[in-house]
């Protein structure tokens, strides 16, 4: 099971949206795509933005980075 949950991650990502604005992410798919992209960056050699143990997997690092607000998911307008 993924900790934090998808709904918790969606709350973190959408916390920057102003009242009345559309949320940045509407589905789990967006969370999965963002964390998998970041995990691939870490595998390719980019430094993690959080302190992690040697045994921690790239996907776990990416999820925690998103949960701590170290990485952001851009809305379609920002891309």
PDB file of N, CA and C in Angstrom:
ATOM      1  N   UNK A   1       0.835  -1.178   0.000  1.00  0.00           N
ATOM      2  CA  UNK A   1       0.000   0.000   0.000  1.00  0.00           C
ATOM      3  C   UNK A   1       0.880   1.241   0.000  1.00  0.00           C
ATOM      4  N   UNK A   2       0.424   2.241  -0.690  1.00  0.00           N
ATOM      5  CA  UNK A   2       1.165   3.487  -0.828  1.00  0.00           C
ATOM      6  C   UNK A   2       0.862   4.408   0.356  1.00  0.00           C
ATOM      7  N   UNK A   3       1.921   4.853   1.016  1.00  0.00           N
ATOM      8  CA  UNK A   3       1.763   5.817   2.108  1.00  0.00           C
ATOM      9  C   UNK A   3       2.599   7.017   1.769  1.00  0.00           C
ATOM     10  N   UNK A   4       2.101   8.188   1.718  1.00  0.00           N
ATOM     11  CA  UNK A   4       0.736   8.595   1.977  1.00  0.00           C
ATOM     12  C   UNK A   4      -0.210   8.138   0.865  1.00  0.00           C
ATOM     13  N   UNK A   5      -1.501   8.228   1.128  1.00  0.00           N
ATOM     14  CA  UNK A   5      -2.493   7.760   0.159  1.00  0.00           C
ATOM     15  C   UNK A   5      -2.574   8.724  -1.027  1.00  0.00           C
ATOM     16  N   UNK A   6      -3.199   8.244  -2.091  1.00  0.00           N
ATOM     17  CA  UNK A   6      -3.399   9.091  -3.268  1.00  0.00           C
ATOM     18  C   UNK A   6      -4.178  10.349  -2.910  1.00  0.00           C
ATOM     19  N   UNK A   7      -5.209  10.196  -2.095  1.00  0.00           N
ATOM     20  CA  UNK A   7      -6.021  11.365  -1.742  1.00  0.00           C
ATOM     21  C   UNK A   7      -5.206  12.377  -0.938  1.00  0.00           C
ATOM     22  N   UNK A   8      -4.311  11.906  -0.070  1.00  0.00           N
ATOM     23  CA  UNK A   8      -3.440  12.826   0.674  1.00  0.00           C
ATOM     24  C   UNK A   8      -2.493  13.564  -0.272  1.00  0.00           C
ATOM     25  N   UNK A   9      -1.929  12.847  -1.232  1.00  0.00           N
ATOM     26  CA  UNK A   9      -1.033  13.485  -2.201  1.00  0.00           C
ATOM     27  C   UNK A   9      -1.776  14.494  -3.063  1.00  0.00           C
ATOM     28  N   UNK A  10      -3.013  14.172  -3.433  1.00  0.00           N
ATOM     29  CA  UNK A  10      -3.801  15.110  -4.235  1.00  0.00           C
ATOM     30  C   UNK A  10      -4.089  16.383  -3.452  1.00  0.00           C
ATOM     31  N   UNK A  11      -4.327  16.257  -2.147  1.00  0.00           N
ATOM     32  CA  UNK A  11      -4.553  17.440  -1.310  1.00  0.00           C
ATOM     33  C   UNK A  11      -3.299  18.316  -1.270  1.00  0.00           C
ATOM     34  N   UNK A  12      -2.136  17.691  -1.136  1.00  0.00           N
ATOM     35  CA  UNK A  12      -0.876  18.443  -1.097  1.00  0.00           C
ATOM     36  C   UNK A  12      -0.659  19.184  -2.411  1.00  0.00           C
ATOM     37  N   UNK A  13      -0.855  18.492  -3.522  1.00  0.00           N
ATOM     38  CA  UNK A  13      -0.629  19.096  -4.841  1.00  0.00           C
ATOM     39  C   UNK A  13      -1.615  20.230  -5.094  1.00  0.00           C
ATOM     40  N   UNK A  14      -2.859  20.040  -4.694  1.00  0.00           N
ATOM     41  CA  UNK A  14      -3.890  21.040  -4.959  1.00  0.00           C
ATOM     42  C   UNK A  14      -3.952  22.137  -3.910  1.00  0.00           C
ATOM     43  N   UNK A  15      -3.107  22.096  -2.905  1.00  0.00           N
ATOM     44  CA  UNK A  15      -3.145  23.089  -1.833  1.00  0.00           C
ATOM     45  C   UNK A  15      -2.792  24.494  -2.320  1.00  0.00           C
ATOM     46  N   UNK A  16      -2.067  24.606  -3.414  1.00  0.00           N
ATOM     47  CA  UNK A  16      -1.685  25.923  -3.936  1.00  0.00           C
ATOM     48  C   UNK A  16      -2.775  26.559  -4.797  1.00  0.00           C
ATOM     49  N   UNK A  17      -3.797  25.791  -5.159  1.00  0.00           N
ATOM     50  CA  UNK A  17      -4.871  26.334  -5.993  1.00  0.00           C
ATOM     51  C   UNK A  17      -5.715  27.297  -5.166  1.00  0.00           C
ATOM     52  N   UNK A  18      -6.012  28.435  -5.743  1.00  0.00           N
ATOM     53  CA  UNK A  18      -6.838  29.426  -5.064  1.00  0.00           C
ATOM     54  C   UNK A  18      -8.296  28.986  -5.079  1.00  0.00           C
ATOM     55  N   UNK A  19      -9.082  29.452  -4.102  1.00  0.00           N
ATOM     56  CA  UNK A  19     -10.502  29.096  -4.101  1.00  0.00           C
ATOM     57  C   UNK A  19     -11.167  29.525  -5.411  1.00  0.00           C
ATOM     58  N   UNK A  20     -11.950  28.640  -5.980  1.00  0.00           N
ATOM     59  CA  UNK A  20     -12.616  28.917  -7.251  1.00  0.00           C
ATOM     60  C   UNK A  20     -11.831  28.459  -8.465  1.00  0.00           C
ATOM     61  N   UNK A  21     -10.539  28.204  -8.308  1.00  0.00           N
ATOM     62  CA  UNK A  21      -9.721  27.702  -9.410  1.00  0.00           C
ATOM     63  C   UNK A  21      -9.888  26.192  -9.531  1.00  0.00           C
ATOM     64  N   UNK A  22      -9.651  25.707 -10.723  1.00  0.00           N
ATOM     65  CA  UNK A  22      -9.673  24.260 -10.934  1.00  0.00           C
ATOM     66  C   UNK A  22      -8.466  23.640 -10.237  1.00  0.00           C
ATOM     67  N   UNK A  23      -8.624  22.472  -9.648  1.00  0.00           N
ATOM     68  CA  UNK A  23      -7.476  21.810  -9.010  1.00  0.00           C
ATOM     69  C   UNK A  23      -6.423  21.439 -10.045  1.00  0.00           C
ATOM     70  N   UNK A  24      -5.179  21.357  -9.605  1.00  0.00           N
ATOM     71  CA  UNK A  24      -4.074  21.008 -10.500  1.00  0.00           C
ATOM     72  C   UNK A  24      -4.227  19.568 -10.982  1.00  0.00           C
ATOM     73  N   UNK A  25      -4.575  18.665 -10.076  1.00  0.00           N
ATOM     74  CA  UNK A  25      -4.786  17.262 -10.449  1.00  0.00           C
ATOM     75  C   UNK A  25      -6.195  16.839 -10.047  1.00  0.00           C
ATOM     76  N   UNK A  26      -6.784  16.015 -10.898  1.00  0.00           N
ATOM     77  CA  UNK A  26      -8.131  15.518 -10.644  1.00  0.00           C
ATOM     78  C   UNK A  26      -8.177  14.012 -10.488  1.00  0.00           C
ATOM     79  N   UNK A  27      -7.054  13.349 -10.714  1.00  0.00           N
ATOM     80  CA  UNK A  27      -7.091  11.887 -10.711  1.00  0.00           C
ATOM     81  C   UNK A  27      -5.782  11.315 -10.176  1.00  0.00           C
ATOM     82  N   UNK A  28      -5.862  10.051  -9.841  1.00  0.00           N
ATOM     83  CA  UNK A  28      -4.660   9.322  -9.399  1.00  0.00           C
ATOM     84  C   UNK A  28      -3.643   9.228 -10.519  1.00  0.00           C
ATOM     85  N   UNK A  29      -4.125   9.173 -11.734  1.00  0.00           N
ATOM     86  CA  UNK A  29      -3.245   9.041 -12.887  1.00  0.00           C
ATOM     87  C   UNK A  29      -2.186  10.148 -12.896  1.00  0.00           C
ATOM     88  N   UNK A  30      -2.586  11.373 -12.605  1.00  0.00           N
ATOM     89  CA  UNK A  30      -1.641  12.498 -12.581  1.00  0.00           C
ATOM     90  C   UNK A  30      -0.569  12.299 -11.519  1.00  0.00           C
ATOM     91  N   UNK A  31      -0.970  11.785 -10.366  1.00  0.00           N
ATOM     92  CA  UNK A  31      -0.021  11.511  -9.287  1.00  0.00           C
ATOM     93  C   UNK A  31       0.955  10.419  -9.711  1.00  0.00           C
ATOM     94  N   UNK A  32       0.428   9.361 -10.308  1.00  0.00           N
ATOM     95  CA  UNK A  32       1.264   8.243 -10.754  1.00  0.00           C
ATOM     96  C   UNK A  32       2.252   8.705 -11.816  1.00  0.00           C
ATOM     97  N   UNK A  33       1.791   9.483 -12.772  1.00  0.00           N
ATOM     98  CA  UNK A  33       2.674   9.954 -13.846  1.00  0.00           C
ATOM     99  C   UNK A  33       3.773  10.872 -13.297  1.00  0.00           C
ATOM    100  N   UNK A  34       3.424  11.763 -12.399  1.00  0.00           N
ATOM    101  CA  UNK A  34       4.419  12.690 -11.843  1.00  0.00           C
ATOM    102  C   UNK A  34       5.466  11.961 -11.012  1.00  0.00           C
ATOM    103  N   UNK A  35       5.030  11.045 -10.169  1.00  0.00           N
ATOM    104  CA  UNK A  35       5.996  10.341  -9.337  1.00  0.00           C
ATOM    105  C   UNK A  35       6.855   9.384 -10.155  1.00  0.00           C
ATOM    106  N   UNK A  36       6.283   8.763 -11.175  1.00  0.00           N
ATOM    107  CA  UNK A  36       7.098   7.867 -12.005  1.00  0.00           C
ATOM    108  C   UNK A  36       8.128   8.651 -12.808  1.00  0.00           C
ATOM    109  N   UNK A  37       7.736   9.828 -13.293  1.00  0.00           N
ATOM    110  CA  UNK A  37       8.693  10.672 -14.029  1.00  0.00           C
ATOM    111  C   UNK A  37       9.841  11.090 -13.116  1.00  0.00           C
ATOM    112  N   UNK A  38       9.515  11.481 -11.889  1.00  0.00           N
ATOM    113  CA  UNK A  38      10.559  11.895 -10.948  1.00  0.00           C
ATOM    114  C   UNK A  38      11.447  10.720 -10.548  1.00  0.00           C
ATOM    115  N   UNK A  39      10.847   9.535 -10.382  1.00  0.00           N
ATOM    116  CA  UNK A  39      11.640   8.344 -10.043  1.00  0.00           C
ATOM    117  C   UNK A  39      12.630   8.036 -11.161  1.00  0.00           C
ATOM    118  N   UNK A  40      12.211   8.188 -12.412  1.00  0.00           N
ATOM    119  CA  UNK A  40      13.133   7.961 -13.537  1.00  0.00           C
ATOM    120  C   UNK A  40      14.272   8.979 -13.534  1.00  0.00           C
ATOM    121  N   UNK A  41      13.988  10.218 -13.151  1.00  0.00           N
ATOM    122  CA  UNK A  41      15.038  11.229 -13.052  1.00  0.00           C
ATOM    123  C   UNK A  41      16.058  10.842 -11.984  1.00  0.00           C
ATOM    124  N   UNK A  42      15.573  10.337 -10.871  1.00  0.00           N
ATOM    125  CA  UNK A  42      16.473   9.911  -9.788  1.00  0.00           C
ATOM    126  C   UNK A  42      17.314   8.721 -10.240  1.00  0.00           C
ATOM    127  N   UNK A  43      16.701   7.777 -10.926  1.00  0.00           N
ATOM    128  CA  UNK A  43      17.435   6.622 -11.455  1.00  0.00           C
ATOM    129  C   UNK A  43      18.516   7.079 -12.429  1.00  0.00           C
ATOM    130  N   UNK A  44      18.219   8.116 -13.211  1.00  0.00           N
ATOM    131  CA  UNK A  44      19.173   8.628 -14.201  1.00  0.00           C
ATOM    132  C   UNK A  44      20.319   9.411 -13.566  1.00  0.00           C
ATOM    133  N   UNK A  45      20.251   9.653 -12.258  1.00  0.00           N
ATOM    134  CA  UNK A  45      21.382  10.282 -11.598  1.00  0.00           C
ATOM    135  C   UNK A  45      21.105  11.602 -10.911  1.00  0.00           C
ATOM    136  N   UNK A  46      19.882  12.127 -11.019  1.00  0.00           N
ATOM    137  CA  UNK A  46      19.588  13.375 -10.321  1.00  0.00           C
ATOM    138  C   UNK A  46      19.564  13.133  -8.817  1.00  0.00           C
ATOM    139  N   UNK A  47      20.003  14.129  -8.084  1.00  0.00           N
ATOM    140  CA  UNK A  47      20.047  14.032  -6.625  1.00  0.00           C
ATOM    141  C   UNK A  47      18.640  14.150  -6.051  1.00  0.00           C
ATOM    142  N   UNK A  48      18.310  13.314  -5.068  1.00  0.00           N
ATOM    143  CA  UNK A  48      17.023  13.464  -4.387  1.00  0.00           C
ATOM    144  C   UNK A  48      16.955  14.804  -3.652  1.00  0.00           C
ATOM    145  N   UNK A  49      15.749  15.355  -3.545  1.00  0.00           N
ATOM    146  CA  UNK A  49      15.548  16.631  -2.882  1.00  0.00           C
ATOM    147  C   UNK A  49      15.276  16.469  -1.391  1.00  0.00           C
ATOM    148  N   UNK A  50      15.254  15.225  -0.934  1.00  0.00           N
ATOM    149  CA  UNK A  50      15.059  14.922   0.482  1.00  0.00           C
ATOM    150  C   UNK A  50      16.168  13.988   0.921  1.00  0.00           C
ATOM    151  N   UNK A  51      16.376  13.909   2.220  1.00  0.00           N
ATOM    152  CA  UNK A  51      17.343  12.956   2.761  1.00  0.00           C
ATOM    153  C   UNK A  51      16.705  11.577   2.721  1.00  0.00           C
ATOM    154  N   UNK A  52      17.399  10.620   2.127  1.00  0.00           N
ATOM    155  CA  UNK A  52      16.849   9.266   2.039  1.00  0.00           C
ATOM    156  C   UNK A  52      17.926   8.254   2.392  1.00  0.00           C
ATOM    157  N   UNK A  53      17.464   7.107   2.824  1.00  0.00           N
ATOM    158  CA  UNK A  53      18.383   6.030   3.153  1.00  0.00           C
ATOM    159  C   UNK A  53      18.893   5.350   1.894  1.00  0.00           C
ATOM    160  N   UNK A  54      19.965   4.594   2.033  1.00  0.00           N
ATOM    161  CA  UNK A  54      20.556   3.910   0.885  1.00  0.00           C
ATOM    162  C   UNK A  54      19.622   2.860   0.300  1.00  0.00           C
ATOM    163  N   UNK A  55      18.778   2.266   1.138  1.00  0.00           N
ATOM    164  CA  UNK A  55      17.895   1.200   0.677  1.00  0.00           C
ATOM    165  C   UNK A  55      16.559   1.708   0.157  1.00  0.00           C
ATOM    166  N   UNK A  56      16.337   3.000   0.211  1.00  0.00           N
ATOM    167  CA  UNK A  56      15.061   3.539  -0.235  1.00  0.00           C
ATOM    168  C   UNK A  56      15.004   3.554  -1.764  1.00  0.00           C
ATOM    169  N   UNK A  57      13.894   3.120  -2.291  1.00  0.00           N
ATOM    170  CA  UNK A  57      13.732   3.010  -3.738  1.00  0.00           C
ATOM    171  C   UNK A  57      13.379   4.361  -4.349  1.00  0.00           C
ATOM    172  N   UNK A  58      13.742   4.574  -5.623  1.00  0.00           N
ATOM    173  CA  UNK A  58      13.474   5.861  -6.276  1.00  0.00           C
ATOM    174  C   UNK A  58      12.002   6.278  -6.249  1.00  0.00           C
ATOM    175  N   UNK A  59      11.085   5.349  -6.393  1.00  0.00           N
ATOM    176  CA  UNK A  59       9.667   5.713  -6.359  1.00  0.00           C
ATOM    177  C   UNK A  59       9.259   6.191  -4.968  1.00  0.00           C
ATOM    178  N   UNK A  60       9.767   5.551  -3.929  1.00  0.00           N
ATOM    179  CA  UNK A  60       9.467   5.988  -2.560  1.00  0.00           C
ATOM    180  C   UNK A  60      10.006   7.391  -2.309  1.00  0.00           C
ATOM    181  N   UNK A  61      11.175   7.668  -2.835  1.00  0.00           N
ATOM    182  CA  UNK A  61      11.775   9.000  -2.706  1.00  0.00           C
ATOM    183  C   UNK A  61      10.900  10.023  -3.431  1.00  0.00           C
ATOM    184  N   UNK A  62      10.471   9.695  -4.646  1.00  0.00           N
ATOM    185  CA  UNK A  62       9.646  10.609  -5.437  1.00  0.00           C
ATOM    186  C   UNK A  62       8.315  10.899  -4.745  1.00  0.00           C
ATOM    187  N   UNK A  63       7.693   9.884  -4.179  1.00  0.00           N
ATOM    188  CA  UNK A  63       6.426  10.075  -3.470  1.00  0.00           C
ATOM    189  C   UNK A  63       6.634  10.992  -2.267  1.00  0.00           C
ATOM    190  N   UNK A  64       7.701  10.775  -1.531  1.00  0.00           N
ATOM    191  CA  UNK A  64       7.960  11.610  -0.355  1.00  0.00           C
ATOM    192  C   UNK A  64       8.305  13.042  -0.751  1.00  0.00           C
ATOM    193  N   UNK A  65       9.031  13.223  -1.850  1.00  0.00           N
ATOM    194  CA  UNK A  65       9.312  14.576  -2.348  1.00  0.00           C
ATOM    195  C   UNK A  65       8.015  15.300  -2.671  1.00  0.00           C
ATOM    196  N   UNK A  66       7.090  14.611  -3.319  1.00  0.00           N
ATOM    197  CA  UNK A  66       5.799  15.211  -3.655  1.00  0.00           C
ATOM    198  C   UNK A  66       5.019  15.524  -2.386  1.00  0.00           C
ATOM    199  N   UNK A  67       5.015  14.610  -1.444  1.00  0.00           N
ATOM    200  CA  UNK A  67       4.289  14.804  -0.186  1.00  0.00           C
ATOM    201  C   UNK A  67       4.830  15.989   0.609  1.00  0.00           C
ATOM    202  N   UNK A  68       6.138  16.203   0.562  1.00  0.00           N
ATOM    203  CA  UNK A  68       6.747  17.318   1.293  1.00  0.00           C
ATOM    204  C   UNK A  68       6.708  18.630   0.510  1.00  0.00           C
ATOM    205  N   UNK A  69       6.191  18.592  -0.710  1.00  0.00           N
ATOM    206  CA  UNK A  69       6.101  19.807  -1.508  1.00  0.00           C
ATOM    207  C   UNK A  69       7.406  20.208  -2.166  1.00  0.00           C
ATOM    208  N   UNK A  70       8.362  19.288  -2.243  1.00  0.00           N
ATOM    209  CA  UNK A  70       9.657  19.581  -2.865  1.00  0.00           C
ATOM    210  C   UNK A  70       9.566  19.598  -4.387  1.00  0.00           C
ATOM    211  N   UNK A  71       8.588  18.871  -4.935  1.00  0.00           N
ATOM    212  CA  UNK A  71       8.346  18.905  -6.372  1.00  0.00           C
ATOM    213  C   UNK A  71       6.904  19.325  -6.591  1.00  0.00           C
ATOM    214  N   UNK A  72       6.631  19.919  -7.728  1.00  0.00           N
ATOM    215  CA  UNK A  72       5.296  20.415  -8.048  1.00  0.00           C
ATOM    216  C   UNK A  72       4.826  19.780  -9.347  1.00  0.00           C
ATOM    217  N   UNK A  73       3.536  19.577  -9.436  1.00  0.00           N
ATOM    218  CA  UNK A  73       2.917  19.139 -10.682  1.00  0.00           C
ATOM    219  C   UNK A  73       2.339  20.384 -11.320  1.00  0.00           C
ATOM    220  N   UNK A  74       2.724  20.652 -12.555  1.00  0.00           N
ATOM    221  CA  UNK A  74       2.252  21.841 -13.250  1.00  0.00           C
ATOM    222  C   UNK A  74       0.912  21.563 -13.908  1.00  0.00           C
ATOM    223  N   UNK A  75       0.043  22.568 -13.898  1.00  0.00           N
ATOM    224  CA  UNK A  75      -1.230  22.441 -14.589  1.00  0.00           C
ATOM    225  C   UNK A  75      -0.970  22.522 -16.092  1.00  0.00           C
ATOM    226  N   UNK A  76      -1.970  22.195 -16.879  1.00  0.00           N
ATOM    227  CA  UNK A  76      -1.807  22.218 -18.332  1.00  0.00           C
ATOM    228  C   UNK A  76      -1.447  23.619 -18.851  1.00  0.00           C
ATOM    229  N   UNK A  77      -1.968  24.654 -18.211  1.00  0.00           N
ATOM    230  CA  UNK A  77      -1.650  26.017 -18.645  1.00  0.00           C
ATOM    231  C   UNK A  77      -0.184  26.363 -18.397  1.00  0.00           C
ATOM    232  N   UNK A  78       0.383  25.810 -17.319  1.00  0.00           N
ATOM    233  CA  UNK A  78       1.765  26.106 -16.971  1.00  0.00           C
ATOM    234  C   UNK A  78       2.757  25.321 -17.818  1.00  0.00           C
ATOM    235  N   UNK A  79       2.313  24.234 -18.423  1.00  0.00           N
ATOM    236  CA  UNK A  79       3.210  23.444 -19.267  1.00  0.00           C
ATOM    237  C   UNK A  79       3.448  24.151 -20.518  1.00  0.00           C
TER     238      UNK A  79
END
